[in-house]
Protein backbone atom coordinates (compact mmCIF):
# COMPACT_ATOMS: atom_id res chain seq x y z
CA MET A 1 -27.83 28.95 -10.69
CA GLY A 2 -24.42 30.57 -10.17
CA LYS A 3 -22.81 27.28 -9.13
CA LYS A 4 -24.24 25.50 -12.18
CA PHE A 5 -22.94 28.23 -14.49
CA LEU A 6 -19.47 28.06 -12.88
CA ALA A 7 -19.38 24.26 -13.14
CA SER A 8 -20.41 24.42 -16.79
CA ALA A 9 -17.74 27.03 -17.55
CA LEU A 10 -15.08 24.95 -15.84
CA ASP A 11 -16.16 21.83 -17.74
CA LYS A 12 -15.92 23.69 -21.07
CA LYS A 13 -12.51 25.07 -20.17
CA ALA A 14 -11.24 21.60 -19.23
CA PHE A 15 -12.67 20.18 -22.46
CA ARG A 16 -10.91 22.85 -24.55
CA ARG A 17 -7.63 22.18 -22.71
CA LYS A 18 -8.01 18.44 -23.29
CA ARG A 19 -8.64 18.97 -27.00
CA ARG A 20 -5.55 21.16 -27.28
CA ASN A 21 -3.47 18.40 -25.70
CA VAL A 22 -4.77 15.51 -27.81
CA ASN A 23 -4.54 17.47 -31.06
CA LYS A 24 -0.85 18.22 -30.52
CA PRO A 25 1.05 16.57 -33.40
CA HIS A 26 3.39 13.71 -32.56
CA HIS A 27 6.38 13.45 -34.88
CA ILE A 28 7.16 9.76 -35.03
CA ASP A 29 10.86 9.18 -35.50
CA LYS A 30 11.18 5.96 -33.47
CA ILE A 31 8.67 3.23 -32.62
CA VAL A 32 9.61 0.55 -30.10
CA ILE A 33 7.67 -2.71 -29.73
CA LEU A 34 7.90 -4.62 -26.45
CA GLY A 35 6.26 -7.82 -25.29
CA ASP A 36 5.70 -11.44 -26.11
CA SER A 37 5.50 -13.62 -29.22
CA VAL A 38 2.51 -11.63 -30.51
CA ALA A 39 4.62 -8.48 -30.28
CA TYR A 40 7.48 -10.35 -31.96
CA GLY A 41 5.30 -11.58 -34.83
CA TYR A 42 5.73 -15.33 -34.29
CA GLY A 43 5.29 -17.35 -37.48
CA THR A 44 4.99 -14.34 -39.80
CA LYS A 45 7.25 -12.06 -41.81
CA GLY A 46 7.68 -9.36 -39.18
CA GLY A 47 4.26 -9.23 -37.55
CA ILE A 48 2.90 -5.79 -36.76
CA ALA A 49 6.38 -4.26 -37.07
CA ARG A 50 6.30 -4.74 -40.83
CA HIS A 51 2.95 -2.95 -41.10
CA LEU A 52 4.15 -0.08 -38.92
CA ALA A 53 7.22 0.30 -41.12
CA ASP A 54 4.90 0.61 -44.13
CA SER A 55 2.62 3.13 -42.41
CA PHE A 56 5.50 5.22 -41.05
CA PRO A 57 8.18 4.92 -43.76
CA ASP A 58 10.32 7.70 -42.29
CA SER A 59 10.31 6.17 -38.81
CA GLU A 60 12.63 3.63 -37.25
CA VAL A 61 10.68 0.59 -36.01
CA LEU A 62 12.48 -1.53 -33.40
CA ASN A 63 10.90 -4.85 -32.40
CA PHE A 64 12.12 -6.30 -29.09
CA GLY A 65 9.33 -8.84 -28.71
CA ILE A 66 10.41 -12.12 -27.05
CA ASN A 67 8.66 -15.46 -27.48
CA GLY A 68 7.19 -16.68 -24.19
CA LEU A 69 7.77 -13.42 -22.29
CA THR A 70 5.55 -12.79 -19.24
CA SER A 71 4.87 -9.47 -17.54
CA ASP A 72 7.29 -10.61 -14.78
CA GLY A 73 9.97 -11.13 -17.40
CA LEU A 74 9.40 -7.73 -18.98
CA VAL A 75 9.63 -6.00 -15.60
CA GLU A 76 12.90 -7.80 -14.87
CA ARG A 77 14.42 -6.75 -18.19
CA LEU A 78 13.38 -3.14 -17.81
CA ARG A 79 14.79 -3.00 -14.28
CA ALA A 80 18.05 -4.44 -15.63
CA GLY A 81 18.27 -1.59 -18.12
CA HIS A 82 17.40 -3.46 -21.30
CA TRP A 83 16.55 -1.13 -24.21
CA ARG A 84 17.13 1.95 -21.99
CA GLU A 85 18.64 4.07 -24.74
CA GLU A 86 16.04 3.06 -27.33
CA LEU A 87 13.15 3.75 -24.95
CA ALA A 88 14.58 7.15 -24.00
CA GLN A 89 14.46 8.12 -27.68
CA ALA A 90 11.12 6.49 -28.56
CA ASP A 91 8.13 8.53 -29.69
CA VAL A 92 5.77 5.54 -29.50
CA VAL A 93 6.03 2.31 -27.50
CA LEU A 94 3.66 -0.51 -28.43
CA LEU A 95 3.07 -3.14 -25.73
CA ASN A 96 1.64 -6.63 -26.07
CA ILE A 97 2.06 -8.53 -22.81
CA GLY A 98 0.04 -10.64 -20.39
CA GLY A 99 -1.11 -13.64 -22.37
CA ASN A 100 1.75 -15.80 -21.17
CA ASP A 101 0.93 -14.96 -17.54
CA LEU A 102 -2.35 -16.81 -18.03
CA LEU A 103 -0.93 -19.50 -20.30
CA ARG A 104 1.86 -20.42 -17.89
CA GLN A 105 -0.57 -20.76 -14.99
CA TYR A 106 -2.85 -22.92 -17.15
CA ARG A 107 0.01 -25.20 -18.20
CA GLU A 108 1.21 -25.59 -14.61
CA GLY A 109 -2.12 -26.32 -12.96
CA GLY A 110 -4.83 -26.71 -15.57
CA ALA A 111 -8.10 -24.82 -15.89
CA SER A 112 -9.20 -25.30 -12.28
CA GLU A 113 -5.95 -23.89 -10.87
CA LEU A 114 -6.07 -20.97 -13.30
CA ILE A 115 -9.54 -20.06 -12.08
CA ARG A 116 -8.47 -20.43 -8.44
CA GLN A 117 -5.42 -18.22 -8.94
CA PHE A 118 -7.06 -15.76 -11.34
CA VAL A 119 -7.63 -12.87 -8.90
CA PRO A 120 -4.10 -12.79 -7.39
CA LEU A 121 -2.66 -13.36 -10.86
CA LYS A 122 -4.54 -10.37 -12.22
CA ARG A 123 -3.50 -8.27 -9.21
CA LYS A 124 0.16 -9.10 -9.87
CA TYR A 125 -0.29 -8.36 -13.58
CA ARG A 126 -1.65 -4.93 -12.69
CA ARG A 127 1.35 -4.18 -10.46
CA ASN A 128 3.69 -5.30 -13.22
CA LEU A 129 1.97 -3.08 -15.77
CA LEU A 130 2.33 -0.03 -13.54
CA ASP A 131 6.03 -0.86 -13.15
CA ILE A 132 6.36 -1.25 -16.92
CA TYR A 133 4.63 2.06 -17.66
CA GLY A 134 6.78 3.81 -15.07
CA ALA A 135 10.03 2.32 -16.38
CA ILE A 136 9.24 3.41 -19.93
CA GLN A 137 8.25 6.92 -18.87
CA GLN A 138 11.11 7.36 -16.40
CA ASN A 139 13.56 8.80 -18.94
CA ASN A 140 11.01 9.80 -21.55
CA LYS A 141 8.10 11.87 -20.27
CA HIS A 142 6.71 12.55 -23.74
CA VAL A 143 6.56 8.97 -25.01
CA LEU A 144 3.21 7.71 -26.24
CA ILE A 145 2.49 4.22 -24.83
CA VAL A 146 -0.11 2.07 -26.60
CA GLN A 147 -1.01 -1.36 -25.26
CA ASN A 148 -3.00 -4.08 -26.98
CA SER A 149 -5.69 -5.75 -24.94
CA LEU A 150 -5.83 -9.55 -25.00
CA TYR A 151 -8.12 -11.16 -27.56
CA ASN A 152 -10.04 -14.42 -27.40
CA SER A 153 -8.94 -16.58 -30.33
CA MET A 154 -11.12 -19.52 -29.25
CA LYS A 155 -13.75 -20.56 -31.80
CA LYS A 156 -17.33 -19.63 -30.91
CA GLU A 157 -18.32 -23.27 -31.18
CA ALA A 158 -15.91 -24.21 -28.40
CA GLN A 159 -17.50 -25.35 -25.15
CA TYR A 160 -15.98 -22.66 -22.94
CA PHE A 161 -16.07 -19.74 -25.38
CA GLY A 162 -18.44 -17.62 -23.28
CA PHE A 163 -16.51 -18.30 -20.09
CA THR A 164 -13.14 -17.42 -21.64
CA ASN A 165 -14.67 -14.23 -23.05
CA LEU A 166 -15.61 -13.22 -19.51
CA LEU A 167 -12.12 -14.04 -18.20
CA PHE A 168 -10.45 -11.96 -20.89
CA HIS A 169 -12.81 -9.06 -20.20
CA ILE A 170 -11.90 -9.10 -16.50
CA TRP A 171 -8.19 -9.57 -17.27
CA ASN A 172 -8.17 -6.64 -19.71
CA SER A 173 -9.56 -4.33 -17.02
CA ALA A 174 -6.06 -4.38 -15.50
CA ILE A 175 -4.65 -2.62 -18.57
CA GLY A 176 -4.18 1.12 -18.80
CA SER A 177 -3.45 4.17 -16.70
CA ASN A 178 -3.35 7.94 -17.12
CA GLY A 179 -1.77 8.71 -20.47
CA ILE A 180 -1.81 5.08 -21.68
CA LEU A 181 -3.77 4.27 -24.82
CA VAL A 182 -5.39 0.84 -25.10
CA THR A 183 -6.18 -0.84 -28.41
CA ASN A 184 -9.24 -3.04 -28.06
CA THR A 185 -8.42 -6.19 -30.04
CA ARG A 186 -11.73 -7.91 -29.29
CA LYS A 187 -12.77 -7.64 -32.96
CA MET A 188 -9.97 -10.01 -33.90
CA GLY A 189 -11.69 -12.86 -32.08
CA LYS A 190 -14.66 -12.55 -34.43
CA VAL A 191 -12.65 -13.41 -37.56
CA PRO A 192 -11.92 -17.17 -37.75
CA SER A 193 -9.56 -16.93 -40.75
CA ILE A 194 -6.85 -14.80 -39.10
CA TRP A 195 -5.20 -17.37 -36.81
CA LEU A 196 -1.90 -19.11 -37.38
CA ASP A 197 -2.66 -21.42 -34.44
CA SER A 198 -4.83 -21.22 -31.32
CA ILE A 199 -2.94 -18.17 -30.04
CA HIS A 200 -1.04 -16.27 -32.73
CA PRO A 201 -2.39 -14.18 -35.62
CA ASN A 202 -1.37 -14.95 -39.19
CA GLU A 203 -0.42 -12.29 -41.74
CA GLU A 204 -4.06 -11.26 -42.17
CA GLY A 205 -4.44 -11.09 -38.41
CA TYR A 206 -1.54 -8.70 -38.02
CA ALA A 207 -2.98 -6.50 -40.75
CA ILE A 208 -6.19 -6.24 -38.70
CA MET A 209 -4.24 -5.61 -35.48
CA HIS A 210 -2.34 -2.83 -37.23
CA GLN A 211 -5.56 -1.24 -38.48
CA LEU A 212 -7.03 -1.35 -34.96
CA LEU A 213 -3.91 0.38 -33.67
CA LEU A 214 -4.24 3.17 -36.24
CA GLU A 215 -7.94 3.56 -35.35
CA THR A 216 -7.01 3.84 -31.67
CA LEU A 217 -4.60 6.66 -32.44
CA GLN A 218 -7.09 8.43 -34.69
CA THR A 219 -10.04 8.29 -32.29
CA THR A 220 -8.03 10.02 -29.56
CA GLY A 221 -7.67 13.08 -31.76
CA ILE A 222 -3.90 12.76 -31.85
CA THR A 223 -2.40 13.74 -35.20
CA ILE A 224 0.27 11.31 -36.28
CA ALA A 225 2.84 12.83 -38.61
CA LYS A 226 4.10 10.14 -40.96
CA GLU A 227 6.93 12.27 -42.21
CA ARG A 228 9.44 14.40 -40.38
CA GLN A 229 8.68 18.08 -40.60
């Protein structure tokens, strides 16, 4: 009975401490976006960066997305010191990376080679993500990192829709770590009107991605201050 009471008390204490941490306001002065063409906003007028600028009008939004960037490429740039000053000053870093890792393997060897290489590819992706998180946090211990999961933009009528859904689910399990928030973009795959092409969202798609990001922040209990106080 005594052990159960002690365990319950400790659980409650940990819960209260956790709530205090997540409810701590974050004053957003600078938002940095890193990643691939989806981060960049390919084919649209600013992608998610434009929506973030509207939601946080008193914040500086810097978009360093690069078309075609893989997780290998992002690691290389961070190790070379790209965006070091901006990341050291960032309050929020939004990541969208990993889709080109899969796409490049598919283009080089087709579907069969992608499936054969999927496990080592995912393992390497996981190592890269940990390097990316560490590089961002190295000179900025208080930065809030939010990463988008990968969505399945394939139409439900497509022959391999169910199989690709499974692959994306397994791939997305590589994302995240202690202190990293993950935005689940799976809902985007259920809306057929939001695609510019077979990969990239259109303007409506980015509006949905932005809303999912705000919901991710809200459900954690973190208070986002839109204006400097």
